[in-house]
C-alpha atoms as a PDB file:
ATOM      1  CA  UNK A   1      20.474   8.569   2.389  1.00  0.00           C
ATOM      2  CA  UNK A   2      19.819  11.754   0.538  1.00  0.00           C
ATOM      3  CA  UNK A   3      18.680  12.288  -2.886  1.00  0.00           C
ATOM      4  CA  UNK A   4      19.820   9.250  -4.981  1.00  0.00           C
ATOM      5  CA  UNK A   5      22.166   6.323  -4.758  1.00  0.00           C
ATOM      6  CA  UNK A   6      24.095   4.846  -7.610  1.00  0.00           C
ATOM      7  CA  UNK A   7      22.372   7.483  -9.980  1.00  0.00           C
ATOM      8  CA  UNK A   8      18.619   6.310  -8.982  1.00  0.00           C
ATOM      9  CA  UNK A   9      16.227   8.957  -7.778  1.00  0.00           C
ATOM     10  CA  UNK A  10      14.755   8.221  -4.283  1.00  0.00           C
ATOM     11  CA  UNK A  11      11.255   7.243  -5.566  1.00  0.00           C
ATOM     12  CA  UNK A  12      12.980   4.612  -7.888  1.00  0.00           C
ATOM     13  CA  UNK A  13      15.030   3.130  -5.089  1.00  0.00           C
ATOM     14  CA  UNK A  14      11.913   2.843  -3.109  1.00  0.00           C
ATOM     15  CA  UNK A  15      10.207   1.080  -6.027  1.00  0.00           C
ATOM     16  CA  UNK A  16      12.883  -1.287  -6.481  1.00  0.00           C
ATOM     17  CA  UNK A  17      12.796  -2.314  -2.658  1.00  0.00           C
ATOM     18  CA  UNK A  18       9.036  -2.636  -2.758  1.00  0.00           C
ATOM     19  CA  UNK A  19       9.016  -5.033  -5.819  1.00  0.00           C
ATOM     20  CA  UNK A  20      11.713  -6.948  -4.105  1.00  0.00           C
ATOM     21  CA  UNK A  21       9.797  -7.448  -0.883  1.00  0.00           C
ATOM     22  CA  UNK A  22       6.706  -8.410  -2.836  1.00  0.00           C
ATOM     23  CA  UNK A  23       8.659 -11.097  -4.730  1.00  0.00           C
ATOM     24  CA  UNK A  24      10.310 -12.370  -1.604  1.00  0.00           C
ATOM     25  CA  UNK A  25       6.918 -12.657   0.145  1.00  0.00           C
ATOM     26  CA  UNK A  26       5.405 -14.434  -3.175  1.00  0.00           C
ATOM     27  CA  UNK A  27       8.030 -17.061  -2.666  1.00  0.00           C
ATOM     28  CA  UNK A  28       7.517 -17.447   1.156  1.00  0.00           C
ATOM     29  CA  UNK A  29       3.650 -17.033   1.663  1.00  0.00           C
ATOM     30  CA  UNK A  30       1.990 -20.473   1.128  1.00  0.00           C
ATOM     31  CA  UNK A  31      -1.761 -20.895   2.058  1.00  0.00           C
ATOM     32  CA  UNK A  32      -2.263 -21.508   5.847  1.00  0.00           C
ATOM     33  CA  UNK A  33      -5.360 -21.518   8.125  1.00  0.00           C
ATOM     34  CA  UNK A  34      -6.142 -18.114   9.606  1.00  0.00           C
ATOM     35  CA  UNK A  35      -9.080 -18.991  11.936  1.00  0.00           C
ATOM     36  CA  UNK A  36     -11.562 -21.864  12.317  1.00  0.00           C
ATOM     37  CA  UNK A  37     -14.307 -20.096  10.161  1.00  0.00           C
ATOM     38  CA  UNK A  38     -12.435 -19.633   6.926  1.00  0.00           C
ATOM     39  CA  UNK A  39      -9.066 -20.131   5.238  1.00  0.00           C
ATOM     40  CA  UNK A  40      -6.964 -17.765   3.265  1.00  0.00           C
ATOM     41  CA  UNK A  41      -7.105 -19.133  -0.224  1.00  0.00           C
ATOM     42  CA  UNK A  42      -6.052 -16.305  -2.779  1.00  0.00           C
ATOM     43  CA  UNK A  43      -3.242 -13.666  -2.563  1.00  0.00           C
ATOM     44  CA  UNK A  44      -3.496 -10.469  -4.529  1.00  0.00           C
ATOM     45  CA  UNK A  45      -0.241  -8.624  -5.430  1.00  0.00           C
ATOM     46  CA  UNK A  46      -1.314  -4.834  -6.222  1.00  0.00           C
ATOM     47  CA  UNK A  47       2.455  -4.042  -6.816  1.00  0.00           C
ATOM     48  CA  UNK A  48       2.410  -6.280  -9.890  1.00  0.00           C
ATOM     49  CA  UNK A  49      -0.954  -5.680 -11.534  1.00  0.00           C
ATOM     50  CA  UNK A  50      -1.180  -2.027 -10.475  1.00  0.00           C
ATOM     51  CA  UNK A  51       2.736  -1.340 -10.682  1.00  0.00           C
ATOM     52  CA  UNK A  52       2.509   1.566 -13.276  1.00  0.00           C
ATOM     53  CA  UNK A  53       0.214   3.730 -11.108  1.00  0.00           C
ATOM     54  CA  UNK A  54       2.176   2.789  -7.935  1.00  0.00           C
ATOM     55  CA  UNK A  55       5.341   4.027  -9.754  1.00  0.00           C
ATOM     56  CA  UNK A  56       3.545   7.129 -10.831  1.00  0.00           C
ATOM     57  CA  UNK A  57       2.668   7.789  -7.235  1.00  0.00           C
ATOM     58  CA  UNK A  58       6.151   7.518  -5.870  1.00  0.00           C
ATOM     59  CA  UNK A  59       7.647   9.682  -8.579  1.00  0.00           C
ATOM     60  CA  UNK A  60       5.100  12.355  -7.759  1.00  0.00           C
ATOM     61  CA  UNK A  61       5.180  12.161  -3.947  1.00  0.00           C
ATOM     62  CA  UNK A  62       8.371  10.575  -2.774  1.00  0.00           C
ATOM     63  CA  UNK A  63      10.588  13.462  -3.862  1.00  0.00           C
ATOM     64  CA  UNK A  64      12.667  13.988  -0.644  1.00  0.00           C
ATOM     65  CA  UNK A  65      13.046  12.804   2.961  1.00  0.00           C
ATOM     66  CA  UNK A  66       9.848  13.114   4.905  1.00  0.00           C
ATOM     67  CA  UNK A  67       9.182  13.869   8.548  1.00  0.00           C
ATOM     68  CA  UNK A  68       6.415  11.660   9.210  1.00  0.00           C
ATOM     69  CA  UNK A  69       5.468   8.251   7.952  1.00  0.00           C
ATOM     70  CA  UNK A  70       1.963   6.693   8.254  1.00  0.00           C
ATOM     71  CA  UNK A  71       1.782   2.893   8.088  1.00  0.00           C
ATOM     72  CA  UNK A  72      -1.068   0.717   7.289  1.00  0.00           C
ATOM     73  CA  UNK A  73      -1.133  -2.986   7.824  1.00  0.00           C
ATOM     74  CA  UNK A  74      -1.811  -4.350   4.234  1.00  0.00           C
ATOM     75  CA  UNK A  75      -4.001  -3.367   1.272  1.00  0.00           C
ATOM     76  CA  UNK A  76      -7.807  -3.156   1.677  1.00  0.00           C
ATOM     77  CA  UNK A  77     -10.531  -4.540  -0.622  1.00  0.00           C
ATOM     78  CA  UNK A  78     -11.755  -1.253  -2.040  1.00  0.00           C
ATOM     79  CA  UNK A  79      -8.727   0.770  -1.378  1.00  0.00           C
ATOM     80  CA  UNK A  80      -5.262  -0.184  -2.498  1.00  0.00           C
ATOM     81  CA  UNK A  81      -6.447  -3.547  -3.828  1.00  0.00           C
ATOM     82  CA  UNK A  82      -8.020  -1.563  -6.585  1.00  0.00           C
ATOM     83  CA  UNK A  83      -5.611   1.263  -6.854  1.00  0.00           C
ATOM     84  CA  UNK A  84      -2.210  -0.021  -5.895  1.00  0.00           C
ATOM     85  CA  UNK A  85      -1.734   3.148  -3.620  1.00  0.00           C
ATOM     86  CA  UNK A  86      -1.408   2.692   0.193  1.00  0.00           C
ATOM     87  CA  UNK A  87      -4.517   4.551   1.849  1.00  0.00           C
ATOM     88  CA  UNK A  88      -5.705   4.634  -1.800  1.00  0.00           C
ATOM     89  CA  UNK A  89      -9.361   5.079  -2.136  1.00  0.00           C
ATOM     90  CA  UNK A  90     -10.782   5.427  -5.519  1.00  0.00           C
ATOM     91  CA  UNK A  91     -11.685   9.253  -5.164  1.00  0.00           C
ATOM     92  CA  UNK A  92      -8.597  10.074  -3.577  1.00  0.00           C
ATOM     93  CA  UNK A  93      -6.345   8.454  -6.182  1.00  0.00           C
ATOM     94  CA  UNK A  94      -8.378   9.426  -9.183  1.00  0.00           C
ATOM     95  CA  UNK A  95      -9.559  13.025  -8.411  1.00  0.00           C
ATOM     96  CA  UNK A  96      -7.294  14.368  -5.707  1.00  0.00           C
ATOM     97  CA  UNK A  97      -3.946  12.698  -6.538  1.00  0.00           C
ATOM     98  CA  UNK A  98      -4.932  12.858 -10.207  1.00  0.00           C
ATOM     99  CA  UNK A  99      -3.027   9.603 -11.112  1.00  0.00           C
ATOM    100  CA  UNK A 100      -3.793   7.761 -14.249  1.00  0.00           C
ATOM    101  CA  UNK A 101      -2.502   4.290 -15.317  1.00  0.00           C
ATOM    102  CA  UNK A 102      -3.556   1.023 -16.390  1.00  0.00           C
ATOM    103  CA  UNK A 103      -4.555  -1.461 -13.558  1.00  0.00           C
ATOM    104  CA  UNK A 104      -4.717  -5.105 -14.898  1.00  0.00           C
ATOM    105  CA  UNK A 105      -6.397  -8.271 -13.504  1.00  0.00           C
ATOM    106  CA  UNK A 106      -4.105 -10.474 -11.364  1.00  0.00           C
ATOM    107  CA  UNK A 107      -3.485 -13.930 -12.598  1.00  0.00           C
ATOM    108  CA  UNK A 108      -5.955 -15.528 -10.208  1.00  0.00           C
ATOM    109  CA  UNK A 109      -9.117 -13.689  -9.133  1.00  0.00           C
ATOM    110  CA  UNK A 110     -11.561 -14.713  -6.466  1.00  0.00           C
ATOM    111  CA  UNK A 111     -15.042 -14.620  -8.176  1.00  0.00           C
ATOM    112  CA  UNK A 112     -16.457 -12.015  -5.778  1.00  0.00           C
ATOM    113  CA  UNK A 113     -13.358  -9.689  -5.704  1.00  0.00           C
ATOM    114  CA  UNK A 114     -12.770  -8.260  -9.225  1.00  0.00           C
ATOM    115  CA  UNK A 115     -10.131  -5.581  -9.782  1.00  0.00           C
ATOM    116  CA  UNK A 116     -11.816  -2.738 -11.516  1.00  0.00           C
ATOM    117  CA  UNK A 117      -9.216  -0.161 -10.677  1.00  0.00           C
ATOM    118  CA  UNK A 118     -10.340   3.469 -10.978  1.00  0.00           C
ATOM    119  CA  UNK A 119     -13.560   2.509 -12.438  1.00  0.00           C
ATOM    120  CA  UNK A 120     -14.664   1.039  -9.294  1.00  0.00           C
ATOM    121  CA  UNK A 121     -18.043   2.293  -8.001  1.00  0.00           C
ATOM    122  CA  UNK A 122     -17.815   5.065  -5.553  1.00  0.00           C
ATOM    123  CA  UNK A 123     -20.335   3.325  -3.377  1.00  0.00           C
ATOM    124  CA  UNK A 124     -17.637   0.627  -2.772  1.00  0.00           C
ATOM    125  CA  UNK A 125     -15.057   3.216  -1.171  1.00  0.00           C
ATOM    126  CA  UNK A 126     -12.846   1.970   1.462  1.00  0.00           C
ATOM    127  CA  UNK A 127     -14.130   3.346   4.816  1.00  0.00           C
ATOM    128  CA  UNK A 128     -10.771   3.435   6.550  1.00  0.00           C
ATOM    129  CA  UNK A 129      -9.002   5.208   3.602  1.00  0.00           C
ATOM    130  CA  UNK A 130     -11.686   7.817   3.291  1.00  0.00           C
ATOM    131  CA  UNK A 131     -11.616   8.449   6.963  1.00  0.00           C
ATOM    132  CA  UNK A 132      -7.960   8.908   6.857  1.00  0.00           C
ATOM    133  CA  UNK A 133      -7.898  11.354   4.049  1.00  0.00           C
ATOM    134  CA  UNK A 134     -10.803  13.247   5.589  1.00  0.00           C
ATOM    135  CA  UNK A 135      -8.865  13.847   8.739  1.00  0.00           C
ATOM    136  CA  UNK A 136      -5.933  15.021   6.801  1.00  0.00           C
ATOM    137  CA  UNK A 137      -8.231  17.318   4.962  1.00  0.00           C
ATOM    138  CA  UNK A 138      -9.678  18.765   8.200  1.00  0.00           C
ATOM    139  CA  UNK A 139      -6.079  19.296   9.637  1.00  0.00           C
ATOM    140  CA  UNK A 140      -5.345  21.410   6.524  1.00  0.00           C
ATOM    141  CA  UNK A 141      -8.541  23.478   7.037  1.00  0.00           C
ATOM    142  CA  UNK A 142     -10.248  21.822   3.872  1.00  0.00           C
ATOM    143  CA  UNK A 143      -7.797  23.565   1.627  1.00  0.00           C
ATOM    144  CA  UNK A 144      -8.052  22.369  -1.973  1.00  0.00           C
ATOM    145  CA  UNK A 145      -4.453  21.388  -2.238  1.00  0.00           C
ATOM    146  CA  UNK A 146      -4.249  19.543   0.904  1.00  0.00           C
ATOM    147  CA  UNK A 147      -2.983  16.559  -0.689  1.00  0.00           C
ATOM    148  CA  UNK A 148      -0.016  18.320  -1.995  1.00  0.00           C
ATOM    149  CA  UNK A 149       0.697  19.927   1.331  1.00  0.00           C
ATOM    150  CA  UNK A 150       0.381  16.653   3.325  1.00  0.00           C
ATOM    151  CA  UNK A 151       3.138  15.071   1.019  1.00  0.00           C
ATOM    152  CA  UNK A 152       5.681  17.916   1.711  1.00  0.00           C
ATOM    153  CA  UNK A 153       6.679  16.266   4.897  1.00  0.00           C
ATOM    154  CA  UNK A 154       4.599  13.032   5.217  1.00  0.00           C
ATOM    155  CA  UNK A 155       4.329   9.785   3.295  1.00  0.00           C
ATOM    156  CA  UNK A 156       2.211   6.661   3.499  1.00  0.00           C
ATOM    157  CA  UNK A 157       3.166   2.965   3.255  1.00  0.00           C
ATOM    158  CA  UNK A 158       1.780  -0.425   3.790  1.00  0.00           C
ATOM    159  CA  UNK A 159       3.564  -2.910   6.287  1.00  0.00           C
ATOM    160  CA  UNK A 160       2.745  -5.837   4.103  1.00  0.00           C
ATOM    161  CA  UNK A 161       2.135  -5.352   0.274  1.00  0.00           C
ATOM    162  CA  UNK A 162      -0.187  -8.453  -0.076  1.00  0.00           C
ATOM    163  CA  UNK A 163      -4.009  -8.888   0.208  1.00  0.00           C
ATOM    164  CA  UNK A 164      -5.212 -12.013   1.537  1.00  0.00           C
ATOM    165  CA  UNK A 165      -8.633 -13.332   0.591  1.00  0.00           C
ATOM    166  CA  UNK A 166     -10.596 -16.029   2.508  1.00  0.00           C
ATOM    167  CA  UNK A 167     -13.052 -18.687   1.110  1.00  0.00           C
ATOM    168  CA  UNK A 168     -15.938 -16.365   2.084  1.00  0.00           C
ATOM    169  CA  UNK A 169     -14.705 -13.696  -0.391  1.00  0.00           C
ATOM    170  CA  UNK A 170     -13.683 -11.128   2.104  1.00  0.00           C
ATOM    171  CA  UNK A 171     -10.183  -9.816   2.992  1.00  0.00           C
ATOM    172  CA  UNK A 172      -8.582 -11.631   5.621  1.00  0.00           C
ATOM    173  CA  UNK A 173      -7.042  -9.107   7.969  1.00  0.00           C
ATOM    174  CA  UNK A 174      -3.299  -9.083   8.372  1.00  0.00           C
ATOM    175  CA  UNK A 175      -3.909  -8.985  12.254  1.00  0.00           C
ATOM    176  CA  UNK A 176      -5.739 -12.258  12.144  1.00  0.00           C
ATOM    177  CA  UNK A 177      -2.933 -13.796  10.160  1.00  0.00           C
ATOM    178  CA  UNK A 178      -0.025 -12.398  12.216  1.00  0.00           C
ATOM    179  CA  UNK A 179       0.483 -15.321  14.576  1.00  0.00           C
ATOM    180  CA  UNK A 180       0.299 -17.811  11.587  1.00  0.00           C
ATOM    181  CA  UNK A 181       2.840 -16.057   9.305  1.00  0.00           C
ATOM    182  CA  UNK A 182       6.344 -17.822   9.730  1.00  0.00           C
ATOM    183  CA  UNK A 183       8.657 -15.745  12.005  1.00  0.00           C
ATOM    184  CA  UNK A 184      11.180 -15.603   9.217  1.00  0.00           C
ATOM    185  CA  UNK A 185       8.698 -13.840   6.836  1.00  0.00           C
ATOM    186  CA  UNK A 186       7.526 -11.496   9.604  1.00  0.00           C
ATOM    187  CA  UNK A 187      11.200 -10.587   9.986  1.00  0.00           C
ATOM    188  CA  UNK A 188      11.650  -9.678   6.321  1.00  0.00           C
ATOM    189  CA  UNK A 189       8.693  -7.256   6.443  1.00  0.00           C
ATOM    190  CA  UNK A 190       9.806  -5.626   9.771  1.00  0.00           C
ATOM    191  CA  UNK A 191      13.343  -5.065   8.294  1.00  0.00           C
ATOM    192  CA  UNK A 192      11.941  -3.615   5.238  1.00  0.00           C
ATOM    193  CA  UNK A 193       9.672  -1.230   7.107  1.00  0.00           C
ATOM    194  CA  UNK A 194      12.794  -0.237   9.417  1.00  0.00           C
ATOM    195  CA  UNK A 195      14.777   0.346   6.285  1.00  0.00           C
ATOM    196  CA  UNK A 196      12.046   2.599   4.965  1.00  0.00           C
ATOM    197  CA  UNK A 197      12.141   4.688   8.250  1.00  0.00           C
ATOM    198  CA  UNK A 198      15.939   4.735   8.138  1.00  0.00           C
ATOM    199  CA  UNK A 199      16.341   5.939   4.589  1.00  0.00           C
ATOM    200  CA  UNK A 200      13.167   7.983   3.881  1.00  0.00           C
ATOM    201  CA  UNK A 201      12.236   9.724   7.335  1.00  0.00           C
ATOM    202  CA  UNK A 202      14.347  12.320   8.712  1.00  0.00           C
ATOM    203  CA  UNK A 203      16.329  10.872  11.768  1.00  0.00           C
ATOM    204  CA  UNK A 204      15.182  13.533  14.037  1.00  0.00           C
ATOM    205  CA  UNK A 205      11.729  12.499  13.685  1.00  0.00           C
ATOM    206  CA  UNK A 206      12.082   8.649  13.462  1.00  0.00           C
ATOM    207  CA  UNK A 207      12.217   7.728  17.063  1.00  0.00           C
END
């Protein structure tokens, strides 16, 4: 697919597909045990309560086919749970990407995991996200516009758009849930990820 389909720009097609996947998972992902110590009891849907800033992100950076796609497992507590952006730690989204939009509270909040969006404390930065962007920064020789240069040929995406919270108040890793997720649900996410590769990553780089 090149450019747009049925009059929609590429970023908007991607947004529609992401929302559809999120809604499908909402209907198919009931609570279930994830290990003997704690159970997953809450699900956060960043594509819903942070949908506006996610749209802004796509419109700004998904402006053509990419050569490389980086895929994360699912949103992190101090990263895309707060910002709605894959690999989206607060400093990167707010200061480097310069994205701004309202981020609302989800309908159900675990008491110890509020959604404070771009107002989150910098001390609460997501380590994996900051490590990722610091690596990208080093590759581009610490140039000030390394974010824009990165998105010329690359993009970032989450395999699963949901956040799972256990009764201890911490993220339940997707890895620990993978064997518990119904096969049909896993297939839906795998097919959505494959479609992303096929439609947004140049074929010569997608193997």
